[in-house]
Amino acid sequence: MQMESKKKLWRGFALFLLAMLIMTYVSRMVYVSQMPRIRWANPVASSI
């Protein structure tokens, strides 16, 4: 009985970590997709 309970606990913990990993990946994808893209012009040497 006690081993079965421990097994369920570890299984739940593993599922929780997997869900957190998936949510982290999705949130980063959303963050990057909404980030403005900046285009760099060619740097030019000049003085004031």
PDB file of N, CA and C in Angstrom:
ATOM      1  N   MET A   1       0.834  -1.205   0.000  1.00  0.00           N
ATOM      2  CA  MET A   1       0.000   0.000   0.000  1.00  0.00           C
ATOM      3  C   MET A   1       0.869   1.255   0.000  1.00  0.00           C
ATOM      4  N   GLN A   2       1.911   1.253   0.833  1.00  0.00           N
ATOM      5  CA  GLN A   2       2.750   2.443   0.943  1.00  0.00           C
ATOM      6  C   GLN A   2       3.577   2.648  -0.324  1.00  0.00           C
ATOM      7  N   MET A   3       4.045   1.573  -0.954  1.00  0.00           N
ATOM      8  CA  MET A   3       4.819   1.685  -2.192  1.00  0.00           C
ATOM      9  C   MET A   3       3.945   2.235  -3.314  1.00  0.00           C
ATOM     10  N   GLU A   4       2.699   1.820  -3.339  1.00  0.00           N
ATOM     11  CA  GLU A   4       1.776   2.303  -4.365  1.00  0.00           C
ATOM     12  C   GLU A   4       1.538   3.807  -4.198  1.00  0.00           C
ATOM     13  N   SER A   5       1.454   4.250  -2.963  1.00  0.00           N
ATOM     14  CA  SER A   5       1.247   5.664  -2.681  1.00  0.00           C
ATOM     15  C   SER A   5       2.471   6.485  -3.106  1.00  0.00           C
ATOM     16  N   LYS A   6       3.674   5.961  -2.832  1.00  0.00           N
ATOM     17  CA  LYS A   6       4.900   6.646  -3.232  1.00  0.00           C
ATOM     18  C   LYS A   6       5.000   6.720  -4.754  1.00  0.00           C
ATOM     19  N   LYS A   7       4.601   5.647  -5.402  1.00  0.00           N
ATOM     20  CA  LYS A   7       4.647   5.602  -6.865  1.00  0.00           C
ATOM     21  C   LYS A   7       3.718   6.663  -7.460  1.00  0.00           C
ATOM     22  N   LYS A   8       2.534   6.809  -6.884  1.00  0.00           N
ATOM     23  CA  LYS A   8       1.588   7.833  -7.355  1.00  0.00           C
ATOM     24  C   LYS A   8       2.145   9.229  -7.120  1.00  0.00           C
ATOM     25  N   LEU A   9       2.811   9.422  -5.980  1.00  0.00           N
ATOM     26  CA  LEU A   9       3.398  10.711  -5.658  1.00  0.00           C
ATOM     27  C   LEU A   9       4.476  11.083  -6.675  1.00  0.00           C
ATOM     28  N   TRP A  10       5.369  10.150  -6.973  1.00  0.00           N
ATOM     29  CA  TRP A  10       6.426  10.413  -7.954  1.00  0.00           C
ATOM     30  C   TRP A  10       5.859  10.635  -9.347  1.00  0.00           C
ATOM     31  N   ARG A  11       4.823   9.892  -9.675  1.00  0.00           N
ATOM     32  CA  ARG A  11       4.190  10.050 -10.987  1.00  0.00           C
ATOM     33  C   ARG A  11       3.552  11.437 -11.102  1.00  0.00           C
ATOM     34  N   GLY A  12       2.877  11.876 -10.059  1.00  0.00           N
ATOM     35  CA  GLY A  12       2.274  13.199 -10.043  1.00  0.00           C
ATOM     36  C   GLY A  12       3.322  14.292 -10.128  1.00  0.00           C
ATOM     37  N   PHE A  13       4.432  14.102  -9.429  1.00  0.00           N
ATOM     38  CA  PHE A  13       5.522  15.072  -9.464  1.00  0.00           C
ATOM     39  C   PHE A  13       6.134  15.149 -10.863  1.00  0.00           C
ATOM     40  N   ALA A  14       6.324  14.003 -11.502  1.00  0.00           N
ATOM     41  CA  ALA A  14       6.868  13.966 -12.858  1.00  0.00           C
ATOM     42  C   ALA A  14       5.918  14.646 -13.842  1.00  0.00           C
ATOM     43  N   LEU A  15       4.627  14.412 -13.687  1.00  0.00           N
ATOM     44  CA  LEU A  15       3.651  15.068 -14.562  1.00  0.00           C
ATOM     45  C   LEU A  15       3.646  16.579 -14.342  1.00  0.00           C
ATOM     46  N   PHE A  16       3.791  16.999 -13.091  1.00  0.00           N
ATOM     47  CA  PHE A  16       3.851  18.416 -12.772  1.00  0.00           C
ATOM     48  C   PHE A  16       5.065  19.071 -13.433  1.00  0.00           C
ATOM     49  N   LEU A  17       6.227  18.423 -13.322  1.00  0.00           N
ATOM     50  CA  LEU A  17       7.434  18.974 -13.941  1.00  0.00           C
ATOM     51  C   LEU A  17       7.304  19.018 -15.462  1.00  0.00           C
ATOM     52  N   LEU A  18       6.712  18.011 -16.037  1.00  0.00           N
ATOM     53  CA  LEU A  18       6.507  17.987 -17.477  1.00  0.00           C
ATOM     54  C   LEU A  18       5.579  19.120 -17.908  1.00  0.00           C
ATOM     55  N   ALA A  19       4.506  19.332 -17.167  1.00  0.00           N
ATOM     56  CA  ALA A  19       3.578  20.423 -17.480  1.00  0.00           C
ATOM     57  C   ALA A  19       4.274  21.780 -17.344  1.00  0.00           C
ATOM     58  N   MET A  20       5.102  21.944 -16.318  1.00  0.00           N
ATOM     59  CA  MET A  20       5.827  23.201 -16.140  1.00  0.00           C
ATOM     60  C   MET A  20       6.810  23.426 -17.283  1.00  0.00           C
ATOM     61  N   LEU A  21       7.464  22.374 -17.745  1.00  0.00           N
ATOM     62  CA  LEU A  21       8.396  22.481 -18.863  1.00  0.00           C
ATOM     63  C   LEU A  21       7.676  22.914 -20.136  1.00  0.00           C
ATOM     64  N   ILE A  22       6.520  22.315 -20.384  1.00  0.00           N
ATOM     65  CA  ILE A  22       5.733  22.663 -21.570  1.00  0.00           C
ATOM     66  C   ILE A  22       5.253  24.107 -21.487  1.00  0.00           C
ATOM     67  N   MET A  23       4.745  24.517 -20.327  1.00  0.00           N
ATOM     68  CA  MET A  23       4.250  25.884 -20.168  1.00  0.00           C
ATOM     69  C   MET A  23       5.376  26.907 -20.297  1.00  0.00           C
ATOM     70  N   THR A  24       6.554  26.576 -19.785  1.00  0.00           N
ATOM     71  CA  THR A  24       7.707  27.473 -19.921  1.00  0.00           C
ATOM     72  C   THR A  24       8.063  27.655 -21.387  1.00  0.00           C
ATOM     73  N   TYR A  25       8.099  26.557 -22.128  1.00  0.00           N
ATOM     74  CA  TYR A  25       8.425  26.618 -23.549  1.00  0.00           C
ATOM     75  C   TYR A  25       7.394  27.448 -24.311  1.00  0.00           C
ATOM     76  N   VAL A  26       6.114  27.234 -24.023  1.00  0.00           N
ATOM     77  CA  VAL A  26       5.045  27.969 -24.709  1.00  0.00           C
ATOM     78  C   VAL A  26       5.128  29.459 -24.372  1.00  0.00           C
ATOM     79  N   SER A  27       5.358  29.794 -23.109  1.00  0.00           N
ATOM     80  CA  SER A  27       5.415  31.209 -22.734  1.00  0.00           C
ATOM     81  C   SER A  27       6.602  31.902 -23.392  1.00  0.00           C
ATOM     82  N   ARG A  28       7.725  31.209 -23.529  1.00  0.00           N
ATOM     83  CA  ARG A  28       8.875  31.808 -24.213  1.00  0.00           C
ATOM     84  C   ARG A  28       8.587  32.005 -25.695  1.00  0.00           C
ATOM     85  N   MET A  29       7.880  31.075 -26.304  1.00  0.00           N
ATOM     86  CA  MET A  29       7.538  31.214 -27.720  1.00  0.00           C
ATOM     87  C   MET A  29       6.615  32.424 -27.917  1.00  0.00           C
ATOM     88  N   VAL A  30       5.655  32.616 -27.024  1.00  0.00           N
ATOM     89  CA  VAL A  30       4.739  33.753 -27.118  1.00  0.00           C
ATOM     90  C   VAL A  30       5.503  35.052 -26.905  1.00  0.00           C
ATOM     91  N   TYR A  31       6.401  35.072 -25.927  1.00  0.00           N
ATOM     92  CA  TYR A  31       7.189  36.272 -25.634  1.00  0.00           C
ATOM     93  C   TYR A  31       8.043  36.667 -26.837  1.00  0.00           C
ATOM     94  N   VAL A  32       8.712  35.696 -27.449  1.00  0.00           N
ATOM     95  CA  VAL A  32       9.575  35.982 -28.596  1.00  0.00           C
ATOM     96  C   VAL A  32       8.745  36.415 -29.794  1.00  0.00           C
ATOM     97  N   SER A  33       7.581  35.832 -29.989  1.00  0.00           N
ATOM     98  CA  SER A  33       6.763  36.180 -31.153  1.00  0.00           C
ATOM     99  C   SER A  33       6.203  37.597 -31.045  1.00  0.00           C
ATOM    100  N   GLN A  34       6.029  38.128 -29.833  1.00  0.00           N
ATOM    101  CA  GLN A  34       5.496  39.474 -29.659  1.00  0.00           C
ATOM    102  C   GLN A  34       6.594  40.532 -29.548  1.00  0.00           C
ATOM    103  N   MET A  35       7.837  40.099 -29.528  1.00  0.00           N
ATOM    104  CA  MET A  35       8.944  41.033 -29.402  1.00  0.00           C
ATOM    105  C   MET A  35       9.177  41.743 -30.738  1.00  0.00           C
ATOM    106  N   PRO A  36       9.331  43.056 -30.723  1.00  0.00           N
ATOM    107  CA  PRO A  36       9.573  43.754 -31.987  1.00  0.00           C
ATOM    108  C   PRO A  36      10.935  43.379 -32.569  1.00  0.00           C
ATOM    109  N   ARG A  37      10.980  43.290 -33.865  1.00  0.00           N
ATOM    110  CA  ARG A  37      12.239  42.959 -34.528  1.00  0.00           C
ATOM    111  C   ARG A  37      12.930  44.245 -34.940  1.00  0.00           C
ATOM    112  N   ILE A  38      14.183  44.317 -34.636  1.00  0.00           N
ATOM    113  CA  ILE A  38      14.958  45.521 -34.917  1.00  0.00           C
ATOM    114  C   ILE A  38      15.929  45.227 -36.047  1.00  0.00           C
ATOM    115  N   ARG A  39      15.943  46.109 -37.017  1.00  0.00           N
ATOM    116  CA  ARG A  39      16.898  45.970 -38.115  1.00  0.00           C
ATOM    117  C   ARG A  39      18.034  46.947 -37.887  1.00  0.00           C
ATOM    118  N   TRP A  40      19.228  46.439 -38.002  1.00  0.00           N
ATOM    119  CA  TRP A  40      20.401  47.272 -37.815  1.00  0.00           C
ATOM    120  C   TRP A  40      20.830  47.850 -39.153  1.00  0.00           C
ATOM    121  N   ALA A  41      21.098  49.149 -39.168  1.00  0.00           N
ATOM    122  CA  ALA A  41      21.663  49.781 -40.354  1.00  0.00           C
ATOM    123  C   ALA A  41      23.169  49.561 -40.334  1.00  0.00           C
ATOM    124  N   ASN A  42      23.793  49.779 -41.439  1.00  0.00           N
ATOM    125  CA  ASN A  42      25.242  49.652 -41.485  1.00  0.00           C
ATOM    126  C   ASN A  42      25.871  50.752 -40.637  1.00  0.00           C
ATOM    127  N   PRO A  43      26.766  50.391 -39.731  1.00  0.00           N
ATOM    128  CA  PRO A  43      27.398  51.404 -38.891  1.00  0.00           C
ATOM    129  C   PRO A  43      28.330  52.293 -39.732  1.00  0.00           C
ATOM    130  N   VAL A  44      28.276  53.578 -39.449  1.00  0.00           N
ATOM    131  CA  VAL A  44      29.093  54.530 -40.188  1.00  0.00           C
ATOM    132  C   VAL A  44      29.937  55.313 -39.195  1.00  0.00           C
ATOM    133  N   ALA A  45      31.225  55.424 -39.476  1.00  0.00           N
ATOM    134  CA  ALA A  45      32.104  56.198 -38.605  1.00  0.00           C
ATOM    135  C   ALA A  45      31.922  57.679 -38.928  1.00  0.00           C
ATOM    136  N   SER A  46      31.666  58.459 -37.912  1.00  0.00           N
ATOM    137  CA  SER A  46      31.499  59.889 -38.115  1.00  0.00           C
ATOM    138  C   SER A  46      31.868  60.625 -36.845  1.00  0.00           C
ATOM    139  N   SER A  47      31.983  61.919 -36.936  1.00  0.00           N
ATOM    140  CA  SER A  47      32.296  62.736 -35.748  1.00  0.00           C
ATOM    141  C   SER A  47      31.289  63.873 -35.656  1.00  0.00           C
ATOM    142  N   ILE A  48      31.173  64.399 -34.486  1.00  0.00           N
ATOM    143  CA  ILE A  48      30.201  65.469 -34.253  1.00  0.00           C
ATOM    144  C   ILE A  48      30.754  66.798 -34.761  1.00  0.00           C
TER     145      ILE A  48
END
